[in-house]
Amino acid sequence: MVDAVTPPAAPGQPSQPVPAQPGQPVPALRTWGLFKRFGPKVAVQQFELVIPAGSYFGIVGPNGAGKTTTLSMATGLLTPDTGTAFVHGVDVWKDPHAAKRQLGVLPDGFRLFDRLTGAELVTYAGLLRGMDPAVVKQRTDDLLQVLGLAEEAGKLVADYSAGMTKKIGLATAMVHAPSVLVLDEPFESVDPVSASHIRGLLSDFVANGGTVVLSSHVMELVERLCTHVAVMNAGALVASGTIAEVGGGNLEHRFAELVGATEVTGGLPWLRPSHD
């Protein structure tokens, strides 16, 4: 374990994380001053991100904005250069075991133990967390059924489609009944049927008090599913709040304004079928 180092204060922020005041709700996930550099490139700058408990929170940004790096540091998968994160008030880097008991994480592109069957993989994830084998068996069966994988439970994960792989990864993230799910691009490469299964499960999770944090490139999806959104660009947080506060009725248009995207009109003359 690496103790987090408190970074210099970003403009307008105190030098130390301010604890929640008595009577104020404790955020489900809060990052403080996370900073990461890869060689000369600053991947994530220092900022505070507060994700309310019970929210369906989307994190959006162009490629290279720092979304995956931020989520990896916030969940204990990647050591920050400075800064830290809190899960329901528990410091991820000072008390990782307590924090990770409350977290379910689905990283983007994370390699699974794909020489196990689907049922074996979910079972392994549960047993690895010290759960009772009987409870793991019941929850594995329940998750495979709800996610439409019951008939594929005995198939090797290596033989799963992209959508099935996403779903089995989600099952491993949920088997221990976390209170916060952090999902990096959970709908990427997922077919419509699989996406419907995942959306239904996540919506039910939030409706019953859970918190979902997901990254996505699809503005329409975030606007339709999420209650809150944060926009990142060049490693910095440029906006955060409810969908209505940030999006103003058109999240895609607002996103383009916030990240300074320029509209591309026309095309390549030589790529037109009518071109001589």
Protein backbone atom coordinates (compact mmCIF):
# COMPACT_ATOMS: atom_id res chain seq x y z
CA MET A 1 0.00 0.00 0.00
CA VAL A 2 1.18 3.49 -0.86
CA ASP A 3 0.09 6.39 1.33
CA ALA A 4 -1.45 9.17 -0.69
CA VAL A 5 0.35 12.48 -0.68
CA THR A 6 -1.71 15.62 -0.33
CA PRO A 7 -0.89 17.82 -3.34
CA PRO A 8 -0.63 21.59 -3.41
CA ALA A 9 -4.06 23.18 -3.47
CA ALA A 10 -5.64 23.72 -6.85
CA PRO A 11 -6.95 27.25 -7.43
CA GLY A 12 -9.90 27.92 -5.18
CA GLN A 13 -9.41 24.77 -3.07
CA PRO A 14 -8.07 24.38 0.48
CA SER A 15 -4.78 22.50 0.89
CA GLN A 16 -6.44 19.61 2.77
CA PRO A 17 -9.63 17.65 2.01
CA VAL A 18 -12.50 19.18 3.95
CA PRO A 19 -14.43 16.51 5.89
CA ALA A 20 -18.19 16.34 5.55
CA GLN A 21 -19.97 18.50 8.08
CA PRO A 22 -22.35 16.90 10.60
CA GLY A 23 -25.70 16.31 8.98
CA GLN A 24 -24.32 16.51 5.44
CA PRO A 25 -24.53 13.35 3.31
CA VAL A 26 -21.25 11.55 2.72
CA PRO A 27 -20.52 11.18 -1.01
CA ALA A 28 -20.42 7.67 -2.44
CA LEU A 29 -17.14 8.51 -4.17
CA ARG A 30 -14.97 11.58 -3.82
CA THR A 31 -11.63 12.28 -5.42
CA TRP A 32 -9.24 14.86 -4.01
CA GLY A 33 -6.31 16.30 -5.91
CA LEU A 34 -5.57 13.18 -7.96
CA PHE A 35 -2.58 13.79 -10.21
CA LYS A 36 -0.86 11.45 -12.66
CA ARG A 37 1.98 12.02 -15.09
CA PHE A 38 3.26 9.55 -17.66
CA GLY A 39 6.67 10.85 -18.69
CA PRO A 40 6.21 14.44 -19.87
CA LYS A 41 2.44 14.05 -20.30
CA VAL A 42 0.11 15.08 -17.49
CA ALA A 43 -2.76 12.60 -17.74
CA VAL A 44 -4.85 13.87 -14.81
CA GLN A 45 -4.63 17.27 -13.17
CA GLN A 46 -5.68 18.05 -9.61
CA PHE A 47 -9.39 18.51 -9.03
CA GLU A 48 -12.15 17.50 -6.66
CA LEU A 49 -14.96 15.30 -7.96
CA VAL A 50 -17.93 14.58 -5.69
CA ILE A 51 -20.31 11.76 -6.63
CA PRO A 52 -23.48 11.71 -4.49
CA ALA A 53 -24.68 8.46 -2.96
CA GLY A 54 -27.59 6.97 -4.91
CA SER A 55 -26.71 8.76 -8.15
CA TYR A 56 -26.28 7.37 -11.64
CA PHE A 57 -23.16 9.32 -12.53
CA GLY A 58 -21.66 9.59 -16.01
CA ILE A 59 -18.11 10.72 -16.76
CA VAL A 60 -17.61 11.87 -20.33
CA GLY A 61 -14.76 13.32 -22.32
CA PRO A 62 -12.88 12.94 -25.60
CA ASN A 63 -10.24 10.26 -26.08
CA GLY A 64 -7.24 11.02 -23.88
CA ALA A 65 -9.25 13.19 -21.48
CA GLY A 66 -8.09 11.16 -18.45
CA LYS A 67 -11.33 9.32 -17.64
CA THR A 68 -9.83 5.84 -17.35
CA THR A 69 -6.78 7.10 -15.44
CA THR A 70 -9.01 8.98 -12.98
CA LEU A 71 -11.27 5.99 -12.35
CA SER A 72 -8.27 3.66 -12.00
CA MET A 73 -6.72 5.89 -9.33
CA ALA A 74 -10.05 6.41 -7.57
CA THR A 75 -10.62 2.65 -7.22
CA GLY A 76 -7.11 1.59 -6.20
CA LEU A 77 -6.02 0.09 -9.51
CA LEU A 78 -3.42 2.74 -10.32
CA THR A 79 -1.20 4.53 -7.81
CA PRO A 80 -1.62 8.31 -8.03
CA ASP A 81 1.42 10.58 -8.00
CA THR A 82 -0.48 12.71 -5.49
CA GLY A 83 -4.00 12.92 -4.14
CA THR A 84 -6.47 10.34 -2.93
CA ALA A 85 -10.08 9.17 -3.13
CA PHE A 86 -12.76 8.26 -0.62
CA VAL A 87 -15.51 5.63 -0.85
CA HIS A 88 -18.30 6.57 1.56
CA GLY A 89 -15.67 8.50 3.51
CA VAL A 90 -13.07 5.70 3.58
CA ASP A 91 -9.68 6.61 2.10
CA VAL A 92 -8.96 4.22 -0.79
CA TRP A 93 -5.21 4.45 -0.33
CA LYS A 94 -4.97 4.48 3.48
CA ASP A 95 -7.59 1.77 4.11
CA PRO A 96 -7.89 -0.12 0.81
CA HIS A 97 -9.51 -3.25 2.24
CA ALA A 98 -12.39 -1.34 3.82
CA ALA A 99 -12.85 0.86 0.73
CA LYS A 100 -12.75 -1.99 -1.78
CA ARG A 101 -15.35 -4.00 0.12
CA GLN A 102 -17.80 -1.30 -0.95
CA LEU A 103 -16.58 -1.13 -4.56
CA GLY A 104 -17.43 -3.16 -7.63
CA VAL A 105 -15.15 -2.32 -10.55
CA LEU A 106 -15.33 -3.14 -14.25
CA PRO A 107 -12.19 -1.72 -15.92
CA ASP A 108 -12.16 -1.19 -19.67
CA GLY A 109 -10.12 -3.83 -21.48
CA PHE A 110 -9.14 -5.62 -18.26
CA ARG A 111 -7.96 -9.17 -18.92
CA LEU A 112 -10.18 -11.79 -17.30
CA PHE A 113 -9.18 -15.32 -16.34
CA ASP A 114 -10.71 -16.53 -19.57
CA ARG A 115 -9.68 -20.20 -19.25
CA LEU A 116 -12.38 -20.49 -16.60
CA THR A 117 -16.03 -20.97 -17.45
CA GLY A 118 -18.43 -18.12 -16.79
CA ALA A 119 -19.74 -19.76 -13.64
CA GLU A 120 -16.23 -20.55 -12.43
CA LEU A 121 -15.08 -16.96 -12.97
CA VAL A 122 -17.92 -15.42 -10.94
CA THR A 123 -17.48 -18.08 -8.26
CA TYR A 124 -13.75 -17.34 -8.10
CA ALA A 125 -14.45 -13.60 -7.70
CA GLY A 126 -16.77 -14.30 -4.78
CA LEU A 127 -14.48 -16.75 -3.01
CA LEU A 128 -11.53 -14.40 -3.48
CA ARG A 129 -13.43 -11.91 -1.32
CA GLY A 130 -13.88 -14.47 1.46
CA MET A 131 -17.60 -15.03 0.89
CA ASP A 132 -19.41 -18.14 2.08
CA PRO A 133 -19.37 -20.76 -0.74
CA ALA A 134 -23.13 -21.36 -0.50
CA VAL A 135 -23.82 -17.63 -0.84
CA VAL A 136 -21.42 -17.41 -3.79
CA LYS A 137 -23.19 -20.30 -5.53
CA GLN A 138 -26.62 -18.71 -5.13
CA ARG A 139 -25.47 -15.27 -6.23
CA THR A 140 -23.59 -16.68 -9.21
CA ASP A 141 -26.71 -18.50 -10.38
CA ASP A 142 -28.82 -15.36 -9.86
CA LEU A 143 -26.42 -13.08 -11.76
CA LEU A 144 -26.02 -15.46 -14.68
CA GLN A 145 -29.79 -15.76 -14.95
CA VAL A 146 -30.49 -12.02 -14.81
CA LEU A 147 -27.72 -11.25 -17.31
CA GLY A 148 -28.91 -13.88 -19.78
CA LEU A 149 -25.83 -16.08 -19.36
CA ALA A 150 -27.35 -19.11 -17.64
CA GLU A 151 -27.13 -21.26 -20.77
CA GLU A 152 -23.51 -20.20 -21.29
CA ALA A 153 -22.42 -20.78 -17.68
CA GLY A 154 -20.34 -23.84 -18.62
CA LYS A 155 -18.60 -22.23 -21.60
CA LEU A 156 -15.05 -20.89 -21.33
CA VAL A 157 -14.92 -17.10 -21.07
CA ALA A 158 -12.34 -17.18 -23.87
CA ASP A 159 -15.16 -18.30 -26.17
CA TYR A 160 -17.56 -15.55 -25.11
CA SER A 161 -18.58 -12.75 -27.46
CA ALA A 162 -17.69 -9.13 -26.60
CA GLY A 163 -21.13 -8.55 -25.11
CA MET A 164 -21.03 -11.74 -23.06
CA THR A 165 -17.57 -10.83 -21.78
CA LYS A 166 -18.83 -7.44 -20.60
CA LYS A 167 -21.73 -9.12 -18.82
CA ILE A 168 -19.60 -11.73 -17.07
CA GLY A 169 -17.19 -8.98 -16.02
CA LEU A 170 -20.13 -7.07 -14.55
CA ALA A 171 -21.20 -10.21 -12.68
CA THR A 172 -17.76 -10.50 -11.06
CA ALA A 173 -18.02 -6.83 -10.00
CA MET A 174 -21.43 -7.36 -8.38
CA VAL A 175 -21.20 -10.77 -6.72
CA HIS A 176 -20.12 -9.33 -3.35
CA ALA A 177 -23.04 -6.84 -3.32
CA PRO A 178 -21.05 -3.57 -3.37
CA SER A 179 -22.64 -0.20 -2.70
CA VAL A 180 -20.74 1.58 -5.50
CA LEU A 181 -20.19 0.28 -9.04
CA VAL A 182 -17.47 1.93 -11.14
CA LEU A 183 -17.74 0.88 -14.77
CA ASP A 184 -15.39 2.01 -17.53
CA GLU A 185 -17.17 1.92 -20.91
CA PRO A 186 -19.63 -0.83 -19.87
CA PHE A 187 -21.59 -0.64 -23.14
CA GLU A 188 -18.68 -0.57 -25.58
CA SER A 189 -18.85 -3.43 -28.16
CA VAL A 190 -22.08 -4.66 -26.56
CA ASP A 191 -25.00 -5.79 -28.72
CA PRO A 192 -28.48 -4.27 -28.11
CA VAL A 193 -29.81 -7.31 -26.24
CA SER A 194 -26.83 -7.46 -23.89
CA ALA A 195 -26.97 -3.68 -23.40
CA SER A 196 -30.63 -3.98 -22.41
CA HIS A 197 -29.78 -6.61 -19.79
CA ILE A 198 -27.01 -4.42 -18.36
CA ARG A 199 -29.17 -1.26 -18.32
CA GLY A 200 -31.95 -3.07 -16.49
CA LEU A 201 -29.63 -4.45 -13.84
CA LEU A 202 -27.92 -1.10 -13.25
CA SER A 203 -31.18 0.84 -13.09
CA ASP A 204 -32.51 -1.58 -10.49
CA PHE A 205 -29.24 -1.26 -8.53
CA VAL A 206 -29.58 2.54 -8.37
CA ALA A 207 -33.31 2.39 -7.62
CA ASN A 208 -32.48 0.33 -4.54
CA GLY A 209 -29.85 2.68 -3.12
CA GLY A 210 -26.71 1.79 -5.06
CA THR A 211 -24.44 4.25 -6.87
CA VAL A 212 -23.26 3.73 -10.45
CA VAL A 213 -20.31 5.62 -11.92
CA LEU A 214 -19.69 4.98 -15.60
CA SER A 215 -17.56 6.46 -18.34
CA SER A 216 -18.84 6.64 -21.87
CA HIS A 217 -18.36 8.37 -25.19
CA VAL A 218 -22.07 8.17 -26.03
CA MET A 219 -23.77 11.40 -24.95
CA GLU A 220 -27.26 10.15 -25.74
CA LEU A 221 -26.74 7.14 -23.47
CA VAL A 222 -25.45 9.25 -20.58
CA GLU A 223 -28.25 11.79 -20.98
CA ARG A 224 -30.88 9.03 -21.00
CA LEU A 225 -29.53 6.94 -18.12
CA CYS A 226 -27.66 9.22 -15.75
CA THR A 227 -28.82 11.68 -13.10
CA HIS A 228 -25.45 13.45 -12.90
CA VAL A 229 -22.52 13.98 -15.24
CA ALA A 230 -18.93 15.22 -15.16
CA VAL A 231 -17.09 16.43 -18.26
CA MET A 232 -13.31 15.98 -18.49
CA ASN A 233 -10.90 17.42 -21.02
CA ALA A 234 -7.08 17.28 -21.16
CA GLY A 235 -6.94 15.69 -17.70
CA ALA A 236 -9.04 18.41 -16.06
CA LEU A 237 -12.61 18.58 -14.80
CA VAL A 238 -14.45 21.24 -16.80
CA ALA A 239 -18.02 20.74 -15.53
CA SER A 240 -19.91 18.63 -13.00
CA GLY A 241 -23.49 18.53 -11.76
CA THR A 242 -26.90 17.17 -12.61
CA ILE A 243 -27.68 16.39 -16.24
CA ALA A 244 -29.93 19.45 -16.37
CA GLU A 245 -27.27 21.73 -14.86
CA VAL A 246 -24.48 20.61 -17.17
CA GLY A 247 -26.37 19.66 -20.32
CA GLY A 248 -28.94 22.44 -20.42
CA GLY A 249 -31.27 20.25 -22.49
CA ASN A 250 -28.68 19.09 -25.03
CA LEU A 251 -25.71 17.32 -23.47
CA GLU A 252 -23.99 16.57 -26.78
CA HIS A 253 -24.03 20.22 -27.84
CA ARG A 254 -22.92 21.40 -24.40
CA PHE A 255 -20.15 18.78 -24.34
CA ALA A 256 -18.79 20.09 -27.64
CA GLU A 257 -18.75 23.62 -26.23
CA LEU A 258 -17.01 22.58 -23.01
CA VAL A 259 -14.20 20.65 -24.69
CA GLY A 260 -13.74 23.19 -27.48
CA ALA A 261 -14.70 20.81 -30.27
CA THR A 262 -14.98 22.36 -33.71
CA GLU A 263 -17.68 21.22 -36.09
CA VAL A 264 -16.40 19.48 -39.20
CA THR A 265 -18.51 20.14 -42.27
CA GLY A 266 -18.22 18.71 -45.72
CA GLY A 267 -15.92 15.84 -46.52
CA LEU A 268 -13.17 14.65 -48.83
CA PRO A 269 -13.88 15.36 -52.50
CA TRP A 270 -11.98 12.25 -53.63
CA LEU A 271 -14.13 10.05 -51.38
CA ARG A 272 -17.38 10.87 -53.17
CA PRO A 273 -18.76 8.22 -55.56
CA SER A 274 -19.62 10.94 -58.07
CA HIS A 275 -16.06 12.27 -58.10
CA ASP A 276 -14.42 12.11 -61.53
